[in-house]
């Protein structure tokens, strides 16, 4: 799907507030409500809009500890990697996980209640994964930018 400037504006507005009414969205992008609704549906059907959701505040939920974890694998055994990937997908502490090039094989953003909970995550989960050789933790001191808008 070729994105037009109006599509990008629609996407930007929906990313800022997915609860915006179709009438307000249409007015903001200079379209009729029916044409805007059809365009949003086309963006959804094309997979440009994957889902809608609420952004929760981790601190308000009691999740005070955040870390970036650099995971090194023992070796690149395909079965162990599949097992590791499935296990990571099931862990609510792991907010994001990327397989990457470079020194570490994976980079994860992990949220926990506190340092003690994070230590349990490491000992009871991460270090018990057969594919994991070691991990390096970088504590997040503050967040400068998160959840950028893709369409602007």
N, C-alpha and C. Protein backbone atom coordinates (compact mmCIF):
# COMPACT_ATOMS: atom_id res chain seq x y z
N UNK A 1 0.85 -1.19 0.00
CA UNK A 1 0.00 0.00 0.00
C UNK A 1 0.89 1.24 0.00
N UNK A 2 0.66 2.12 -0.91
CA UNK A 2 1.37 3.39 -0.99
C UNK A 2 0.71 4.40 -0.04
N UNK A 3 1.48 4.90 0.92
CA UNK A 3 0.93 5.86 1.88
C UNK A 3 0.97 7.26 1.31
N UNK A 4 -0.16 7.93 1.40
CA UNK A 4 -0.28 9.32 0.97
C UNK A 4 -0.10 10.22 2.19
N UNK A 5 0.14 11.51 1.97
CA UNK A 5 0.29 12.43 3.11
C UNK A 5 -0.89 12.38 4.09
N UNK A 6 -2.11 12.24 3.58
CA UNK A 6 -3.27 12.15 4.48
C UNK A 6 -3.22 10.88 5.32
N UNK A 7 -2.76 9.77 4.71
CA UNK A 7 -2.63 8.52 5.46
C UNK A 7 -1.67 8.71 6.63
N UNK A 8 -0.56 9.37 6.35
CA UNK A 8 0.44 9.60 7.39
C UNK A 8 -0.12 10.49 8.51
N UNK A 9 -0.92 11.46 8.13
CA UNK A 9 -1.54 12.33 9.15
C UNK A 9 -2.55 11.54 9.98
N UNK A 10 -3.34 10.70 9.32
CA UNK A 10 -4.29 9.83 10.03
C UNK A 10 -3.53 8.95 11.03
N UNK A 11 -2.46 8.34 10.55
CA UNK A 11 -1.67 7.46 11.42
C UNK A 11 -1.08 8.21 12.61
N UNK A 12 -0.57 9.39 12.37
CA UNK A 12 0.00 10.19 13.46
C UNK A 12 -1.06 10.51 14.51
N UNK A 13 -2.22 10.92 14.06
CA UNK A 13 -3.30 11.27 15.00
C UNK A 13 -3.78 10.05 15.78
N UNK A 14 -3.93 8.91 15.10
CA UNK A 14 -4.37 7.69 15.78
C UNK A 14 -3.32 7.18 16.77
N UNK A 15 -2.04 7.36 16.47
CA UNK A 15 -1.00 6.94 17.40
C UNK A 15 -0.97 7.81 18.65
N UNK A 16 -1.32 9.07 18.49
CA UNK A 16 -1.37 9.97 19.64
C UNK A 16 -2.60 9.70 20.50
N UNK A 17 -3.72 9.37 19.84
CA UNK A 17 -4.98 9.14 20.55
C UNK A 17 -5.86 8.22 19.71
N UNK A 18 -5.81 6.93 20.00
CA UNK A 18 -6.59 5.98 19.21
C UNK A 18 -8.08 6.05 19.53
N UNK A 19 -8.44 6.85 20.52
CA UNK A 19 -9.87 7.00 20.87
C UNK A 19 -10.50 8.23 20.20
N UNK A 20 -9.75 8.90 19.35
CA UNK A 20 -10.30 10.05 18.64
C UNK A 20 -11.51 9.61 17.82
N UNK A 21 -12.54 10.41 17.81
CA UNK A 21 -13.74 10.04 17.05
C UNK A 21 -13.45 10.16 15.55
N UNK A 22 -14.15 9.39 14.78
CA UNK A 22 -13.97 9.46 13.33
C UNK A 22 -14.28 10.85 12.81
N UNK A 23 -15.27 11.51 13.39
CA UNK A 23 -15.63 12.87 12.95
C UNK A 23 -14.47 13.84 13.21
N UNK A 24 -13.87 13.76 14.40
CA UNK A 24 -12.73 14.63 14.72
C UNK A 24 -11.51 14.29 13.86
N UNK A 25 -11.28 13.02 13.63
CA UNK A 25 -10.17 12.59 12.78
C UNK A 25 -10.36 13.12 11.37
N UNK A 26 -11.55 12.98 10.84
CA UNK A 26 -11.85 13.44 9.48
C UNK A 26 -11.64 14.95 9.37
N UNK A 27 -12.12 15.68 10.37
CA UNK A 27 -11.96 17.14 10.35
C UNK A 27 -10.48 17.53 10.40
N UNK A 28 -9.70 16.81 11.19
CA UNK A 28 -8.28 17.14 11.34
C UNK A 28 -7.48 16.90 10.07
N UNK A 29 -7.92 15.96 9.24
CA UNK A 29 -7.19 15.66 8.01
C UNK A 29 -7.89 16.20 6.76
N UNK A 30 -9.02 16.91 6.96
CA UNK A 30 -9.70 17.54 5.83
C UNK A 30 -10.42 16.57 4.92
N UNK A 31 -11.07 15.57 5.50
CA UNK A 31 -11.83 14.59 4.73
C UNK A 31 -13.25 14.51 5.26
N UNK A 32 -14.12 13.93 4.48
CA UNK A 32 -15.46 13.65 4.99
C UNK A 32 -15.35 12.46 5.95
N UNK A 33 -16.27 12.37 6.90
CA UNK A 33 -16.21 11.24 7.84
C UNK A 33 -16.27 9.87 7.14
N UNK A 34 -17.09 9.74 6.13
CA UNK A 34 -17.20 8.44 5.46
C UNK A 34 -15.91 8.10 4.70
N UNK A 35 -15.31 9.08 4.03
CA UNK A 35 -14.05 8.84 3.32
C UNK A 35 -12.93 8.51 4.30
N UNK A 36 -12.91 9.18 5.45
CA UNK A 36 -11.89 8.94 6.46
C UNK A 36 -12.05 7.53 7.03
N UNK A 37 -13.28 7.14 7.31
CA UNK A 37 -13.54 5.81 7.84
C UNK A 37 -13.06 4.75 6.85
N UNK A 38 -13.35 4.95 5.56
CA UNK A 38 -12.89 3.99 4.54
C UNK A 38 -11.37 3.93 4.48
N UNK A 39 -10.72 5.07 4.65
CA UNK A 39 -9.26 5.10 4.59
C UNK A 39 -8.66 4.39 5.80
N UNK A 40 -9.23 4.58 6.98
CA UNK A 40 -8.75 3.89 8.18
C UNK A 40 -8.93 2.39 8.00
N UNK A 41 -10.08 1.99 7.49
CA UNK A 41 -10.32 0.55 7.24
C UNK A 41 -9.30 -0.01 6.25
N UNK A 42 -8.97 0.74 5.22
CA UNK A 42 -7.98 0.29 4.23
C UNK A 42 -6.60 0.14 4.89
N UNK A 43 -6.25 1.07 5.79
CA UNK A 43 -4.97 0.98 6.51
C UNK A 43 -4.95 -0.24 7.43
N UNK A 44 -6.08 -0.55 8.04
CA UNK A 44 -6.17 -1.74 8.89
C UNK A 44 -6.03 -3.01 8.05
N UNK A 45 -6.78 -3.07 6.96
CA UNK A 45 -6.77 -4.27 6.11
C UNK A 45 -5.41 -4.50 5.45
N UNK A 46 -4.68 -3.43 5.17
CA UNK A 46 -3.35 -3.55 4.57
C UNK A 46 -2.29 -3.90 5.61
N UNK A 47 -2.66 -3.92 6.88
CA UNK A 47 -1.71 -4.25 7.93
C UNK A 47 -0.84 -3.08 8.37
N UNK A 48 -1.12 -1.88 7.86
CA UNK A 48 -0.37 -0.70 8.29
C UNK A 48 -0.73 -0.40 9.75
N UNK A 49 -2.01 -0.48 10.08
CA UNK A 49 -2.46 -0.39 11.48
C UNK A 49 -2.58 -1.83 11.98
N UNK A 50 -1.71 -2.19 12.91
CA UNK A 50 -1.71 -3.55 13.43
C UNK A 50 -2.74 -3.76 14.53
N UNK A 51 -2.87 -2.77 15.42
CA UNK A 51 -3.80 -2.89 16.53
C UNK A 51 -3.98 -1.54 17.19
N UNK A 52 -4.94 -1.45 18.08
CA UNK A 52 -5.19 -0.27 18.89
C UNK A 52 -4.98 -0.67 20.35
N UNK A 53 -4.60 0.28 21.18
CA UNK A 53 -4.42 -0.08 22.58
C UNK A 53 -4.19 1.11 23.47
N UNK A 54 -4.14 0.80 24.76
CA UNK A 54 -3.87 1.81 25.78
C UNK A 54 -2.41 1.70 26.19
N UNK A 55 -1.81 2.81 26.54
CA UNK A 55 -0.43 2.83 27.02
C UNK A 55 -0.48 2.96 28.54
N UNK A 56 -0.01 1.93 29.22
CA UNK A 56 -0.04 1.90 30.69
C UNK A 56 1.24 2.52 31.23
N UNK A 57 1.11 3.20 32.35
CA UNK A 57 2.26 3.80 33.03
C UNK A 57 2.86 2.76 33.97
N UNK A 58 4.08 2.28 33.69
CA UNK A 58 4.67 1.24 34.54
C UNK A 58 4.78 1.64 36.01
N UNK A 59 5.18 2.86 36.29
CA UNK A 59 5.32 3.30 37.69
C UNK A 59 3.98 3.29 38.42
N UNK A 60 2.93 3.70 37.72
CA UNK A 60 1.60 3.69 38.33
C UNK A 60 1.14 2.27 38.63
N UNK A 61 1.74 1.29 37.94
CA UNK A 61 1.41 -0.11 38.16
C UNK A 61 2.38 -0.78 39.13
N UNK A 62 3.27 0.01 39.74
CA UNK A 62 4.20 -0.53 40.70
C UNK A 62 5.44 -1.17 40.10
N UNK A 63 5.71 -0.91 38.82
CA UNK A 63 6.88 -1.47 38.15
C UNK A 63 7.97 -0.40 38.12
N UNK A 64 8.79 -0.40 39.15
CA UNK A 64 9.79 0.66 39.35
C UNK A 64 11.13 0.35 38.70
N UNK A 65 11.40 -0.93 38.41
CA UNK A 65 12.71 -1.32 37.90
C UNK A 65 12.62 -1.62 36.41
N UNK A 66 13.50 -0.99 35.65
CA UNK A 66 13.54 -1.21 34.21
C UNK A 66 15.00 -1.43 33.80
N UNK A 67 15.21 -2.41 32.93
CA UNK A 67 16.57 -2.70 32.49
C UNK A 67 16.58 -3.08 31.01
N UNK A 68 17.71 -2.83 30.40
CA UNK A 68 18.01 -3.34 29.07
C UNK A 68 18.97 -4.50 29.31
N UNK A 69 18.60 -5.68 28.83
CA UNK A 69 19.39 -6.88 29.08
C UNK A 69 19.96 -7.37 27.76
N UNK A 70 21.27 -7.55 27.74
CA UNK A 70 21.98 -8.04 26.55
C UNK A 70 22.26 -9.52 26.79
N UNK A 71 21.64 -10.37 25.99
CA UNK A 71 21.71 -11.81 26.19
C UNK A 71 22.64 -12.43 25.17
N UNK A 72 23.56 -13.27 25.66
CA UNK A 72 24.49 -14.00 24.81
C UNK A 72 24.11 -15.48 24.86
N UNK A 73 24.01 -16.11 23.71
CA UNK A 73 23.66 -17.52 23.64
C UNK A 73 24.89 -18.40 23.75
N UNK A 74 24.67 -19.64 24.19
CA UNK A 74 25.77 -20.60 24.29
C UNK A 74 26.25 -20.98 22.89
N UNK A 75 25.31 -21.26 22.04
CA UNK A 75 25.58 -21.56 20.64
C UNK A 75 24.27 -21.37 19.89
N UNK A 76 24.34 -21.34 18.61
CA UNK A 76 23.16 -21.04 17.81
C UNK A 76 22.47 -22.32 17.32
N UNK A 77 22.07 -23.14 18.26
CA UNK A 77 21.33 -24.35 17.99
C UNK A 77 19.88 -23.97 17.68
N UNK A 78 19.38 -24.27 16.48
CA UNK A 78 18.02 -23.83 16.10
C UNK A 78 16.93 -24.26 17.08
N UNK A 79 17.01 -25.48 17.60
CA UNK A 79 15.98 -25.94 18.54
C UNK A 79 16.00 -25.14 19.84
N UNK A 80 17.21 -24.86 20.33
CA UNK A 80 17.32 -24.08 21.57
C UNK A 80 16.87 -22.64 21.36
N UNK A 81 17.14 -22.10 20.20
CA UNK A 81 16.71 -20.72 19.90
C UNK A 81 15.19 -20.65 19.87
N UNK A 82 14.54 -21.62 19.22
CA UNK A 82 13.07 -21.65 19.18
C UNK A 82 12.52 -21.77 20.59
N UNK A 83 13.11 -22.63 21.40
CA UNK A 83 12.69 -22.80 22.79
C UNK A 83 12.86 -21.49 23.57
N UNK A 84 13.99 -20.83 23.39
CA UNK A 84 14.25 -19.55 24.06
C UNK A 84 13.23 -18.50 23.62
N UNK A 85 13.00 -18.39 22.33
CA UNK A 85 12.05 -17.40 21.81
C UNK A 85 10.66 -17.61 22.40
N UNK A 86 10.21 -18.85 22.43
CA UNK A 86 8.87 -19.16 22.99
C UNK A 86 8.80 -18.81 24.47
N UNK A 87 9.86 -19.14 25.19
CA UNK A 87 9.88 -18.84 26.63
C UNK A 87 9.83 -17.34 26.88
N UNK A 88 10.60 -16.58 26.12
CA UNK A 88 10.63 -15.12 26.28
C UNK A 88 9.26 -14.52 25.97
N UNK A 89 8.61 -15.01 24.94
CA UNK A 89 7.28 -14.48 24.57
C UNK A 89 6.26 -14.65 25.69
N UNK A 90 6.46 -15.63 26.54
CA UNK A 90 5.52 -15.91 27.63
C UNK A 90 5.76 -15.09 28.89
N UNK A 91 6.89 -14.43 28.97
CA UNK A 91 7.24 -13.70 30.19
C UNK A 91 6.72 -12.27 30.17
N UNK A 92 5.85 -11.91 31.10
CA UNK A 92 5.31 -10.54 31.11
C UNK A 92 6.36 -9.49 31.44
N UNK A 93 7.43 -9.87 32.12
CA UNK A 93 8.48 -8.89 32.44
C UNK A 93 9.18 -8.39 31.18
N UNK A 94 9.24 -9.24 30.16
CA UNK A 94 9.93 -8.88 28.91
C UNK A 94 8.95 -8.07 28.06
N UNK A 95 9.18 -6.78 28.01
CA UNK A 95 8.31 -5.88 27.25
C UNK A 95 8.66 -5.85 25.77
N UNK A 96 9.94 -5.97 25.48
CA UNK A 96 10.42 -5.98 24.10
C UNK A 96 11.63 -6.90 24.05
N UNK A 97 11.80 -7.57 22.91
CA UNK A 97 12.97 -8.42 22.73
C UNK A 97 13.34 -8.41 21.26
N UNK A 98 14.61 -8.18 21.00
CA UNK A 98 15.11 -8.09 19.63
C UNK A 98 16.28 -9.04 19.44
N UNK A 99 16.24 -9.84 18.39
CA UNK A 99 17.42 -10.60 17.96
C UNK A 99 18.24 -9.63 17.13
N UNK A 100 19.54 -9.51 17.46
CA UNK A 100 20.36 -8.47 16.84
C UNK A 100 21.71 -9.00 16.37
N UNK A 101 22.36 -8.17 15.59
CA UNK A 101 23.75 -8.43 15.24
C UNK A 101 24.61 -7.78 16.32
N UNK A 102 25.90 -8.04 16.28
CA UNK A 102 26.80 -7.43 17.25
C UNK A 102 27.19 -8.40 18.34
N UNK A 103 27.67 -7.88 19.46
CA UNK A 103 28.18 -8.74 20.53
C UNK A 103 27.09 -9.59 21.17
N UNK A 104 25.96 -9.00 21.49
CA UNK A 104 24.87 -9.75 22.11
C UNK A 104 23.95 -10.31 21.03
N UNK A 105 23.35 -11.45 21.34
CA UNK A 105 22.43 -12.08 20.39
C UNK A 105 21.02 -11.51 20.50
N UNK A 106 20.64 -11.12 21.71
CA UNK A 106 19.32 -10.56 21.97
C UNK A 106 19.45 -9.35 22.88
N UNK A 107 18.53 -8.42 22.71
CA UNK A 107 18.41 -7.26 23.59
C UNK A 107 16.96 -7.22 24.06
N UNK A 108 16.78 -7.15 25.36
CA UNK A 108 15.44 -7.14 25.94
C UNK A 108 15.25 -5.91 26.82
N UNK A 109 14.03 -5.40 26.79
CA UNK A 109 13.64 -4.38 27.77
C UNK A 109 12.76 -5.09 28.77
N UNK A 110 13.20 -5.06 30.04
CA UNK A 110 12.54 -5.82 31.09
C UNK A 110 12.02 -4.86 32.16
N UNK A 111 10.78 -5.06 32.59
CA UNK A 111 10.18 -4.29 33.67
C UNK A 111 9.85 -5.22 34.83
N UNK A 112 10.21 -4.79 36.04
CA UNK A 112 9.91 -5.56 37.25
C UNK A 112 9.51 -4.59 38.36
N UNK A 113 8.94 -5.16 39.42
CA UNK A 113 8.52 -4.34 40.55
C UNK A 113 9.73 -3.65 41.20
N UNK A 114 10.81 -4.41 41.39
CA UNK A 114 12.00 -3.87 42.04
C UNK A 114 13.20 -4.74 41.69
N UNK A 115 14.34 -4.41 42.28
CA UNK A 115 15.58 -5.16 42.01
C UNK A 115 15.46 -6.62 42.44
N UNK A 116 14.80 -6.85 43.54
CA UNK A 116 14.61 -8.23 44.02
C UNK A 116 13.80 -9.05 43.01
N UNK A 117 12.75 -8.48 42.48
CA UNK A 117 11.94 -9.18 41.47
C UNK A 117 12.75 -9.42 40.20
N UNK A 118 13.58 -8.46 39.84
CA UNK A 118 14.43 -8.64 38.66
C UNK A 118 15.44 -9.77 38.89
N UNK A 119 16.00 -9.83 40.07
CA UNK A 119 16.94 -10.89 40.40
C UNK A 119 16.25 -12.26 40.31
N UNK A 120 15.01 -12.35 40.76
CA UNK A 120 14.24 -13.61 40.62
C UNK A 120 14.02 -13.94 39.15
N UNK A 121 13.72 -12.92 38.33
CA UNK A 121 13.56 -13.13 36.89
C UNK A 121 14.83 -13.75 36.30
N UNK A 122 15.97 -13.21 36.67
CA UNK A 122 17.25 -13.74 36.17
C UNK A 122 17.47 -15.18 36.64
N UNK A 123 17.36 -15.40 37.95
CA UNK A 123 17.69 -16.71 38.52
C UNK A 123 16.67 -17.78 38.18
N UNK A 124 15.39 -17.44 38.24
CA UNK A 124 14.34 -18.44 38.04
C UNK A 124 13.96 -18.65 36.58
N UNK A 125 14.31 -17.69 35.73
CA UNK A 125 13.93 -17.82 34.33
C UNK A 125 15.12 -17.74 33.38
N UNK A 126 15.71 -16.56 33.27
CA UNK A 126 16.68 -16.33 32.20
C UNK A 126 17.88 -17.28 32.27
N UNK A 127 18.47 -17.42 33.44
CA UNK A 127 19.67 -18.25 33.55
C UNK A 127 19.35 -19.75 33.52
N UNK A 128 18.09 -20.09 33.53
CA UNK A 128 17.69 -21.50 33.41
C UNK A 128 17.41 -21.90 31.96
N UNK A 129 17.47 -20.94 31.06
CA UNK A 129 17.27 -21.25 29.64
C UNK A 129 18.53 -21.91 29.09
N UNK A 130 18.39 -23.10 28.48
CA UNK A 130 19.58 -23.82 27.97
C UNK A 130 20.37 -23.02 26.93
N UNK A 131 19.73 -22.16 26.20
CA UNK A 131 20.42 -21.41 25.15
C UNK A 131 21.24 -20.24 25.69
N UNK A 132 21.01 -19.83 26.93
CA UNK A 132 21.64 -18.62 27.46
C UNK A 132 23.00 -18.93 28.07
N UNK A 133 24.02 -18.26 27.56
CA UNK A 133 25.37 -18.37 28.13
C UNK A 133 25.53 -17.36 29.26
N UNK A 134 25.16 -16.10 29.00
CA UNK A 134 25.24 -15.06 30.02
C UNK A 134 24.42 -13.87 29.58
N UNK A 135 24.29 -12.94 30.50
CA UNK A 135 23.52 -11.73 30.21
C UNK A 135 24.17 -10.56 30.93
N UNK A 136 24.08 -9.42 30.30
CA UNK A 136 24.59 -8.18 30.89
C UNK A 136 23.39 -7.26 31.08
N UNK A 137 23.30 -6.67 32.25
CA UNK A 137 22.17 -5.79 32.58
C UNK A 137 22.61 -4.34 32.60
N UNK A 138 21.86 -3.50 31.94
CA UNK A 138 22.01 -2.05 32.05
C UNK A 138 20.71 -1.53 32.65
N UNK A 139 20.80 -0.98 33.87
CA UNK A 139 19.62 -0.40 34.51
C UNK A 139 19.25 0.89 33.80
N UNK A 140 17.97 1.10 33.60
CA UNK A 140 17.49 2.34 33.02
C UNK A 140 17.35 3.36 34.14
N UNK A 141 18.05 4.47 34.01
CA UNK A 141 17.99 5.53 35.02
C UNK A 141 16.81 6.46 34.77
N UNK A 142 16.56 6.77 33.51
CA UNK A 142 15.40 7.58 33.14
C UNK A 142 15.13 7.35 31.66
N UNK A 143 13.90 7.55 31.29
CA UNK A 143 13.49 7.38 29.90
C UNK A 143 13.44 8.74 29.24
N UNK A 144 14.17 8.89 28.15
CA UNK A 144 14.19 10.15 27.44
C UNK A 144 13.14 10.19 26.34
N UNK A 145 12.92 9.08 25.67
CA UNK A 145 11.93 9.01 24.61
C UNK A 145 11.43 7.58 24.53
N UNK A 146 10.12 7.45 24.36
CA UNK A 146 9.52 6.13 24.24
C UNK A 146 8.25 6.25 23.42
N UNK A 147 7.98 5.27 22.60
CA UNK A 147 6.72 5.24 21.85
C UNK A 147 6.61 6.36 20.83
N UNK A 148 7.62 6.55 20.03
CA UNK A 148 7.59 7.60 19.00
C UNK A 148 6.48 7.40 17.99
N UNK A 149 6.10 8.45 17.32
CA UNK A 149 5.07 8.42 16.30
C UNK A 149 5.75 8.07 14.97
N UNK A 150 5.25 7.06 14.27
CA UNK A 150 5.88 6.59 13.04
C UNK A 150 5.51 7.38 11.80
N UNK A 151 4.40 8.07 11.78
CA UNK A 151 3.90 8.65 10.54
C UNK A 151 4.25 10.11 10.32
N UNK A 152 4.76 10.80 11.30
CA UNK A 152 5.03 12.23 11.13
C UNK A 152 6.16 12.49 10.16
